[in-house]
Amino acid sequence: MTEKPIIFKDYFWSESSSGAKVSFDITNTELSRPRILYLHGGLHLVHLLSGETRKLTAKRGQLLAQFDESLEHGETPLFVTEGTAKDKLVSINRSSYLSFAYKEFTKHTGDLVIFGHSLGESDNHLIQAMRRWGERNIAISMRQGDSNSIRTRQAKLVEALPKAELLFFDAETHPLGKLKRDNSL
């Protein structure tokens, strides 16, 4: 990636009703570039009262400074973090963007990098989708911890995805993994 940068797309490029060019539009999802799917949303995604999903982008400084502003307009963060896999699917299906992202994930072809998901019991809906893919190269980020805990998590994933070729990597070796440590969004 250092020799020739790859430009990723995340489906947030349509003009929103407020004029910002960072909204998701279910009728405009054609892509020819590598893509990023926020399967469980994120703090940078907001659900508008109109039903739109919008992505916050950094304006004059840090992204986090915008959260108070956006919430004043009745927007709520679109971020699914708690509950069982079944609970998460119910929340996912309430959002046009999240349900689109999950559907795209279930029919994904080619290799995959998973970053920011523990793939534990509460992510079983993701594991079940990946099992249906069959043979695939999948790189999975993992946070550092004690070596026994890491090996146990890796063994569970190898067992859950027997047809996939799994590659595990330290999340902090990826630029996105460094964001938390550097605190720079």
C-alpha atoms as a PDB file:
ATOM      1  CA  MET A   1       0.000   0.000   0.000  1.00  0.00           C
ATOM      2  CA  THR A   2       2.955   2.363   0.458  1.00  0.00           C
ATOM      3  CA  GLU A   3       3.963   2.150  -3.222  1.00  0.00           C
ATOM      4  CA  LYS A   4       0.596   2.888  -4.780  1.00  0.00           C
ATOM      5  CA  PRO A   5      -2.152   4.191  -2.503  1.00  0.00           C
ATOM      6  CA  ILE A   6      -5.543   2.538  -2.871  1.00  0.00           C
ATOM      7  CA  ILE A   7      -8.536   4.833  -2.659  1.00  0.00           C
ATOM      8  CA  PHE A   8     -11.370   3.283  -0.688  1.00  0.00           C
ATOM      9  CA  LYS A   9     -15.025   4.220  -0.930  1.00  0.00           C
ATOM     10  CA  ASP A  10     -17.640   3.893   1.786  1.00  0.00           C
ATOM     11  CA  TYR A  11     -20.950   4.734   0.011  1.00  0.00           C
ATOM     12  CA  PHE A  12     -21.197   8.212   1.552  1.00  0.00           C
ATOM     13  CA  TRP A  13     -21.035  10.537  -1.444  1.00  0.00           C
ATOM     14  CA  SER A  14     -24.590  11.591  -2.250  1.00  0.00           C
ATOM     15  CA  GLU A  15     -25.943  15.041  -1.590  1.00  0.00           C
ATOM     16  CA  SER A  16     -28.052  15.081   1.569  1.00  0.00           C
ATOM     17  CA  SER A  17     -31.173  17.132   2.086  1.00  0.00           C
ATOM     18  CA  SER A  18     -29.074  19.496   4.233  1.00  0.00           C
ATOM     19  CA  GLY A  19     -26.634  20.065   1.347  1.00  0.00           C
ATOM     20  CA  ALA A  20     -23.703  18.105   2.777  1.00  0.00           C
ATOM     21  CA  LYS A  21     -22.201  15.644   0.298  1.00  0.00           C
ATOM     22  CA  VAL A  22     -21.751  12.817   2.772  1.00  0.00           C
ATOM     23  CA  SER A  23     -25.075  10.971   2.868  1.00  0.00           C
ATOM     24  CA  PHE A  24     -25.884   7.371   2.035  1.00  0.00           C
ATOM     25  CA  ASP A  25     -28.335   6.879  -0.842  1.00  0.00           C
ATOM     26  CA  ILE A  26     -29.622   3.308  -1.342  1.00  0.00           C
ATOM     27  CA  THR A  27     -30.291   4.126  -5.017  1.00  0.00           C
ATOM     28  CA  ASN A  28     -26.649   5.138  -5.651  1.00  0.00           C
ATOM     29  CA  THR A  29     -24.433   2.207  -4.626  1.00  0.00           C
ATOM     30  CA  GLU A  30     -22.429   1.304  -7.739  1.00  0.00           C
ATOM     31  CA  LEU A  31     -18.731   0.944  -6.916  1.00  0.00           C
ATOM     32  CA  SER A  32     -15.632  -0.053  -8.815  1.00  0.00           C
ATOM     33  CA  ARG A  33     -13.090   0.619  -6.058  1.00  0.00           C
ATOM     34  CA  PRO A  34     -12.271  -1.243  -2.853  1.00  0.00           C
ATOM     35  CA  ARG A  35     -14.906  -0.443  -0.283  1.00  0.00           C
ATOM     36  CA  ILE A  36     -15.316  -0.001   3.420  1.00  0.00           C
ATOM     37  CA  LEU A  37     -18.500  -1.159   5.131  1.00  0.00           C
ATOM     38  CA  TYR A  38     -19.283   0.066   8.630  1.00  0.00           C
ATOM     39  CA  LEU A  39     -21.193  -3.092   9.572  1.00  0.00           C
ATOM     40  CA  HIS A  40     -22.196  -1.858  13.020  1.00  0.00           C
ATOM     41  CA  GLY A  41     -22.125   1.837  12.197  1.00  0.00           C
ATOM     42  CA  GLY A  42     -19.751   4.163  13.986  1.00  0.00           C
ATOM     43  CA  LEU A  43     -19.664   7.324  16.047  1.00  0.00           C
ATOM     44  CA  HIS A  44     -18.991   9.270  12.849  1.00  0.00           C
ATOM     45  CA  LEU A  45     -22.318   8.087  11.340  1.00  0.00           C
ATOM     46  CA  VAL A  46     -25.568   9.740  12.348  1.00  0.00           C
ATOM     47  CA  HIS A  47     -29.206   8.911  11.741  1.00  0.00           C
ATOM     48  CA  LEU A  48     -31.261  11.967  10.808  1.00  0.00           C
ATOM     49  CA  LEU A  49     -34.900  12.526  11.705  1.00  0.00           C
ATOM     50  CA  SER A  50     -35.668  12.299   7.961  1.00  0.00           C
ATOM     51  CA  GLY A  51     -34.381   8.707   7.958  1.00  0.00           C
ATOM     52  CA  GLU A  52     -31.150   9.544   6.122  1.00  0.00           C
ATOM     53  CA  THR A  53     -27.776   8.293   7.307  1.00  0.00           C
ATOM     54  CA  ARG A  54     -25.011  10.880   7.173  1.00  0.00           C
ATOM     55  CA  LYS A  55     -21.282  10.679   7.783  1.00  0.00           C
ATOM     56  CA  LEU A  56     -19.661  13.387   9.872  1.00  0.00           C
ATOM     57  CA  THR A  57     -16.387  14.660   8.461  1.00  0.00           C
ATOM     58  CA  ALA A  58     -13.713  16.738  10.149  1.00  0.00           C
ATOM     59  CA  LYS A  59     -14.276  20.474   9.885  1.00  0.00           C
ATOM     60  CA  ARG A  60     -11.676  22.846  11.253  1.00  0.00           C
ATOM     61  CA  GLY A  61     -10.099  20.401  13.654  1.00  0.00           C
ATOM     62  CA  GLN A  62     -11.287  17.262  15.319  1.00  0.00           C
ATOM     63  CA  LEU A  63     -14.263  15.165  14.363  1.00  0.00           C
ATOM     64  CA  LEU A  64     -15.221  14.644  18.025  1.00  0.00           C
ATOM     65  CA  ALA A  65     -15.942  18.374  18.433  1.00  0.00           C
ATOM     66  CA  GLN A  66     -18.964  17.992  16.125  1.00  0.00           C
ATOM     67  CA  PHE A  67     -20.904  15.512  18.244  1.00  0.00           C
ATOM     68  CA  ASP A  68     -22.600  18.131  20.428  1.00  0.00           C
ATOM     69  CA  GLU A  69     -23.548  20.136  17.345  1.00  0.00           C
ATOM     70  CA  SER A  70     -25.081  17.199  15.490  1.00  0.00           C
ATOM     71  CA  LEU A  71     -27.101  16.016  18.455  1.00  0.00           C
ATOM     72  CA  GLU A  72     -28.667  19.462  18.761  1.00  0.00           C
ATOM     73  CA  HIS A  73     -30.350  18.916  15.389  1.00  0.00           C
ATOM     74  CA  GLY A  74     -32.079  15.691  16.465  1.00  0.00           C
ATOM     75  CA  GLU A  75     -29.458  13.444  14.922  1.00  0.00           C
ATOM     76  CA  THR A  76     -28.423  10.323  16.786  1.00  0.00           C
ATOM     77  CA  PRO A  77     -25.223   8.298  16.414  1.00  0.00           C
ATOM     78  CA  LEU A  78     -25.649   5.165  14.298  1.00  0.00           C
ATOM     79  CA  PHE A  79     -23.630   2.716  16.323  1.00  0.00           C
ATOM     80  CA  VAL A  80     -24.618  -0.876  17.204  1.00  0.00           C
ATOM     81  CA  THR A  81     -22.449  -2.130  20.062  1.00  0.00           C
ATOM     82  CA  GLU A  82     -24.505  -4.105  22.536  1.00  0.00           C
ATOM     83  CA  GLY A  83     -26.660  -7.175  22.667  1.00  0.00           C
ATOM     84  CA  THR A  84     -26.648 -10.628  21.175  1.00  0.00           C
ATOM     85  CA  ALA A  85     -26.059 -11.321  17.497  1.00  0.00           C
ATOM     86  CA  LYS A  86     -29.851 -11.517  17.092  1.00  0.00           C
ATOM     87  CA  ASP A  87     -30.287  -8.136  18.849  1.00  0.00           C
ATOM     88  CA  LYS A  88     -27.650  -6.609  16.595  1.00  0.00           C
ATOM     89  CA  LEU A  89     -29.398  -7.899  13.478  1.00  0.00           C
ATOM     90  CA  VAL A  90     -32.671  -6.322  14.622  1.00  0.00           C
ATOM     91  CA  SER A  91     -30.880  -2.972  15.034  1.00  0.00           C
ATOM     92  CA  ILE A  92     -29.084  -3.389  11.708  1.00  0.00           C
ATOM     93  CA  ASN A  93     -32.392  -4.003   9.908  1.00  0.00           C
ATOM     94  CA  ARG A  94     -33.804  -0.714  11.243  1.00  0.00           C
ATOM     95  CA  SER A  95     -31.290   1.297   9.211  1.00  0.00           C
ATOM     96  CA  SER A  96     -31.175   1.477   5.420  1.00  0.00           C
ATOM     97  CA  TYR A  97     -27.394   1.916   5.478  1.00  0.00           C
ATOM     98  CA  LEU A  98     -26.650  -0.841   8.018  1.00  0.00           C
ATOM     99  CA  SER A  99     -28.997  -3.335   6.349  1.00  0.00           C
ATOM    100  CA  PHE A 100     -27.405  -2.533   2.982  1.00  0.00           C
ATOM    101  CA  ALA A 101     -23.889  -2.982   4.449  1.00  0.00           C
ATOM    102  CA  TYR A 102     -24.815  -6.311   6.038  1.00  0.00           C
ATOM    103  CA  LYS A 103     -26.402  -7.592   2.820  1.00  0.00           C
ATOM    104  CA  GLU A 104     -23.281  -6.587   0.874  1.00  0.00           C
ATOM    105  CA  PHE A 105     -21.133  -8.343   3.467  1.00  0.00           C
ATOM    106  CA  THR A 106     -23.128 -11.586   3.163  1.00  0.00           C
ATOM    107  CA  LYS A 107     -22.536 -11.723  -0.585  1.00  0.00           C
ATOM    108  CA  HIS A 108     -18.924 -10.512  -0.561  1.00  0.00           C
ATOM    109  CA  THR A 109     -16.525 -12.189  -2.970  1.00  0.00           C
ATOM    110  CA  GLY A 110     -12.751 -12.139  -2.820  1.00  0.00           C
ATOM    111  CA  ASP A 111     -10.386 -11.691   0.082  1.00  0.00           C
ATOM    112  CA  LEU A 112     -11.270  -9.591   3.110  1.00  0.00           C
ATOM    113  CA  VAL A 113      -9.711  -7.572   5.919  1.00  0.00           C
ATOM    114  CA  ILE A 114     -11.728  -7.341   9.131  1.00  0.00           C
ATOM    115  CA  PHE A 115     -10.812  -4.495  11.423  1.00  0.00           C
ATOM    116  CA  GLY A 116     -12.562  -3.466  14.620  1.00  0.00           C
ATOM    117  CA  HIS A 117     -14.754  -6.501  15.253  1.00  0.00           C
ATOM    118  CA  SER A 118     -14.047  -8.975  18.038  1.00  0.00           C
ATOM    119  CA  LEU A 119     -15.950 -11.699  16.167  1.00  0.00           C
ATOM    120  CA  GLY A 120     -17.119 -13.022  19.507  1.00  0.00           C
ATOM    121  CA  GLU A 121     -20.556 -14.476  20.268  1.00  0.00           C
ATOM    122  CA  SER A 122     -22.298 -11.146  19.724  1.00  0.00           C
ATOM    123  CA  ASP A 123     -20.847 -11.087  16.193  1.00  0.00           C
ATOM    124  CA  ASN A 124     -22.098 -14.561  15.315  1.00  0.00           C
ATOM    125  CA  HIS A 125     -24.213 -13.081  12.496  1.00  0.00           C
ATOM    126  CA  LEU A 126     -20.938 -12.071  10.809  1.00  0.00           C
ATOM    127  CA  ILE A 127     -19.329 -15.479  11.423  1.00  0.00           C
ATOM    128  CA  GLN A 128     -22.359 -17.262   9.917  1.00  0.00           C
ATOM    129  CA  ALA A 129     -22.169 -15.099   6.794  1.00  0.00           C
ATOM    130  CA  MET A 130     -18.435 -15.817   6.426  1.00  0.00           C
ATOM    131  CA  ARG A 131     -18.989 -19.563   6.859  1.00  0.00           C
ATOM    132  CA  ARG A 132     -21.285 -19.546   3.831  1.00  0.00           C
ATOM    133  CA  TRP A 133     -18.512 -18.020   1.705  1.00  0.00           C
ATOM    134  CA  GLY A 134     -16.366 -21.155   1.837  1.00  0.00           C
ATOM    135  CA  GLU A 135     -12.705 -20.850   0.881  1.00  0.00           C
ATOM    136  CA  ARG A 136     -11.401 -17.333   1.320  1.00  0.00           C
ATOM    137  CA  ASN A 137      -8.364 -15.421   2.602  1.00  0.00           C
ATOM    138  CA  ILE A 138      -9.422 -13.356   5.605  1.00  0.00           C
ATOM    139  CA  ALA A 139      -7.083 -11.074   7.556  1.00  0.00           C
ATOM    140  CA  ILE A 140      -8.378 -10.307  11.061  1.00  0.00           C
ATOM    141  CA  SER A 141      -7.055  -7.558  13.327  1.00  0.00           C
ATOM    142  CA  MET A 142      -6.564  -8.372  16.988  1.00  0.00           C
ATOM    143  CA  ARG A 143      -5.734  -6.146  19.921  1.00  0.00           C
ATOM    144  CA  GLN A 144      -2.728  -7.114  21.961  1.00  0.00           C
ATOM    145  CA  GLY A 145      -3.274  -9.047  25.178  1.00  0.00           C
ATOM    146  CA  ASP A 146      -1.820 -12.010  26.953  1.00  0.00           C
ATOM    147  CA  SER A 147      -0.620 -14.674  24.512  1.00  0.00           C
ATOM    148  CA  ASN A 148      -2.934 -17.413  25.900  1.00  0.00           C
ATOM    149  CA  SER A 149      -5.998 -15.227  25.387  1.00  0.00           C
ATOM    150  CA  ILE A 150      -4.943 -14.364  21.844  1.00  0.00           C
ATOM    151  CA  ARG A 151      -4.278 -18.007  20.950  1.00  0.00           C
ATOM    152  CA  THR A 152      -7.672 -19.021  22.383  1.00  0.00           C
ATOM    153  CA  ARG A 153      -9.462 -16.356  20.306  1.00  0.00           C
ATOM    154  CA  GLN A 154      -7.538 -17.389  17.194  1.00  0.00           C
ATOM    155  CA  ALA A 155      -8.351 -21.083  17.739  1.00  0.00           C
ATOM    156  CA  LYS A 156     -12.072 -20.281  18.089  1.00  0.00           C
ATOM    157  CA  LEU A 157     -12.027 -18.379  14.793  1.00  0.00           C
ATOM    158  CA  VAL A 158     -10.119 -21.149  12.998  1.00  0.00           C
ATOM    159  CA  GLU A 159     -12.751 -23.600  14.250  1.00  0.00           C
ATOM    160  CA  ALA A 160     -15.642 -21.304  13.297  1.00  0.00           C
ATOM    161  CA  LEU A 161     -14.269 -20.683   9.784  1.00  0.00           C
ATOM    162  CA  PRO A 162     -12.756 -24.033   8.774  1.00  0.00           C
ATOM    163  CA  LYS A 163     -12.670 -23.359   5.016  1.00  0.00           C
ATOM    164  CA  ALA A 164     -11.072 -19.914   5.274  1.00  0.00           C
ATOM    165  CA  GLU A 165      -7.366 -19.187   5.291  1.00  0.00           C
ATOM    166  CA  LEU A 166      -7.033 -16.864   8.280  1.00  0.00           C
ATOM    167  CA  LEU A 167      -4.257 -14.360   8.851  1.00  0.00           C
ATOM    168  CA  PHE A 168      -4.169 -12.589  12.196  1.00  0.00           C
ATOM    169  CA  PHE A 169      -2.411  -9.264  12.655  1.00  0.00           C
ATOM    170  CA  ASP A 170      -1.836  -6.793  15.478  1.00  0.00           C
ATOM    171  CA  ALA A 171      -4.414  -4.008  15.092  1.00  0.00           C
ATOM    172  CA  GLU A 172      -1.863  -1.403  16.159  1.00  0.00           C
ATOM    173  CA  THR A 173       0.337  -2.161  13.142  1.00  0.00           C
ATOM    174  CA  HIS A 174      -2.381  -0.734  10.870  1.00  0.00           C
ATOM    175  CA  PRO A 175      -2.810   3.065  10.607  1.00  0.00           C
ATOM    176  CA  LEU A 176      -6.431   2.798  11.808  1.00  0.00           C
ATOM    177  CA  GLY A 177      -5.250   0.900  14.894  1.00  0.00           C
ATOM    178  CA  LYS A 178      -2.934   3.750  15.791  1.00  0.00           C
ATOM    179  CA  LEU A 179      -5.760   6.292  15.882  1.00  0.00           C
ATOM    180  CA  LYS A 180      -6.877   5.342  19.378  1.00  0.00           C
ATOM    181  CA  ARG A 181      -3.369   5.618  20.752  1.00  0.00           C
ATOM    182  CA  ASP A 182      -2.643   8.920  18.974  1.00  0.00           C
ATOM    183  CA  ASN A 183      -6.177  10.237  19.678  1.00  0.00           C
ATOM    184  CA  SER A 184      -6.243  11.847  16.259  1.00  0.00           C
ATOM    185  CA  LEU A 185      -9.381  11.368  14.207  1.00  0.00           C
END
